[in-house]
Amino acid sequence: MLSALIILVIGIIIGWNWPQPPWARDAQNKVVAWIRSLLSK
């Protein structure tokens, strides 16, 4: 589970600067918000 999360985060960082379809942008925003909520605890 943790390795899948790490791979997802790396993929988001790599793909950050390329154009994204709306669904990918929404998914990215949800993941970023979730990670920020975990880090702020």
C-alpha atoms as a PDB file:
ATOM      1  CA  MET A   1       0.000   0.000   0.000  1.00  0.00           C
ATOM      2  CA  LEU A   2       2.748   2.430   0.935  1.00  0.00           C
ATOM      3  CA  SER A   3       4.750   1.650  -2.193  1.00  0.00           C
ATOM      4  CA  ALA A   4       1.663   2.310  -4.341  1.00  0.00           C
ATOM      5  CA  LEU A   5       1.236   5.687  -2.635  1.00  0.00           C
ATOM      6  CA  ILE A   6       4.900   6.555  -3.220  1.00  0.00           C
ATOM      7  CA  ILE A   7       4.644   5.605  -6.906  1.00  0.00           C
ATOM      8  CA  LEU A   8       1.490   7.710  -7.222  1.00  0.00           C
ATOM      9  CA  VAL A   9       3.200  10.721  -5.632  1.00  0.00           C
ATOM     10  CA  ILE A  10       6.235  10.367  -7.917  1.00  0.00           C
ATOM     11  CA  GLY A  11       3.928  10.119 -10.936  1.00  0.00           C
ATOM     12  CA  ILE A  12       2.113  13.277  -9.874  1.00  0.00           C
ATOM     13  CA  ILE A  13       5.399  15.156  -9.459  1.00  0.00           C
ATOM     14  CA  ILE A  14       6.693  13.998 -12.846  1.00  0.00           C
ATOM     15  CA  GLY A  15       3.409  14.787 -14.603  1.00  0.00           C
ATOM     16  CA  TRP A  16       2.892  18.092 -12.856  1.00  0.00           C
ATOM     17  CA  ASN A  17       3.996  20.278 -15.800  1.00  0.00           C
ATOM     18  CA  TRP A  18       2.230  18.427 -18.624  1.00  0.00           C
ATOM     19  CA  PRO A  19      -1.330  19.296 -19.681  1.00  0.00           C
ATOM     20  CA  GLN A  20      -3.848  17.229 -17.761  1.00  0.00           C
ATOM     21  CA  PRO A  21      -7.416  16.218 -18.517  1.00  0.00           C
ATOM     22  CA  PRO A  22      -9.952  17.561 -15.980  1.00  0.00           C
ATOM     23  CA  TRP A  23     -10.405  14.205 -14.232  1.00  0.00           C
ATOM     24  CA  ALA A  24      -6.644  13.944 -13.637  1.00  0.00           C
ATOM     25  CA  ARG A  25      -6.545  17.473 -12.253  1.00  0.00           C
ATOM     26  CA  ASP A  26      -9.396  16.648  -9.873  1.00  0.00           C
ATOM     27  CA  ALA A  27      -7.694  13.447  -8.740  1.00  0.00           C
ATOM     28  CA  GLN A  28      -4.416  15.298  -8.208  1.00  0.00           C
ATOM     29  CA  ASN A  29      -6.129  17.974  -6.127  1.00  0.00           C
ATOM     30  CA  LYS A  30      -7.778  15.322  -3.943  1.00  0.00           C
ATOM     31  CA  VAL A  31      -4.489  13.490  -3.377  1.00  0.00           C
ATOM     32  CA  VAL A  32      -2.595  16.692  -2.616  1.00  0.00           C
ATOM     33  CA  ALA A  33      -5.299  17.796  -0.171  1.00  0.00           C
ATOM     34  CA  TRP A  34      -5.224  14.361   1.502  1.00  0.00           C
ATOM     35  CA  ILE A  35      -1.432  14.423   1.859  1.00  0.00           C
ATOM     36  CA  ARG A  36      -1.528  17.954   3.249  1.00  0.00           C
ATOM     37  CA  SER A  37      -4.140  16.901   5.799  1.00  0.00           C
ATOM     38  CA  LEU A  38      -1.927  13.992   6.873  1.00  0.00           C
ATOM     39  CA  LEU A  39       1.122  16.232   7.210  1.00  0.00           C
ATOM     40  CA  SER A  40      -0.720  18.919   9.164  1.00  0.00           C
ATOM     41  CA  LYS A  41      -1.761  16.514  11.964  1.00  0.00           C
END
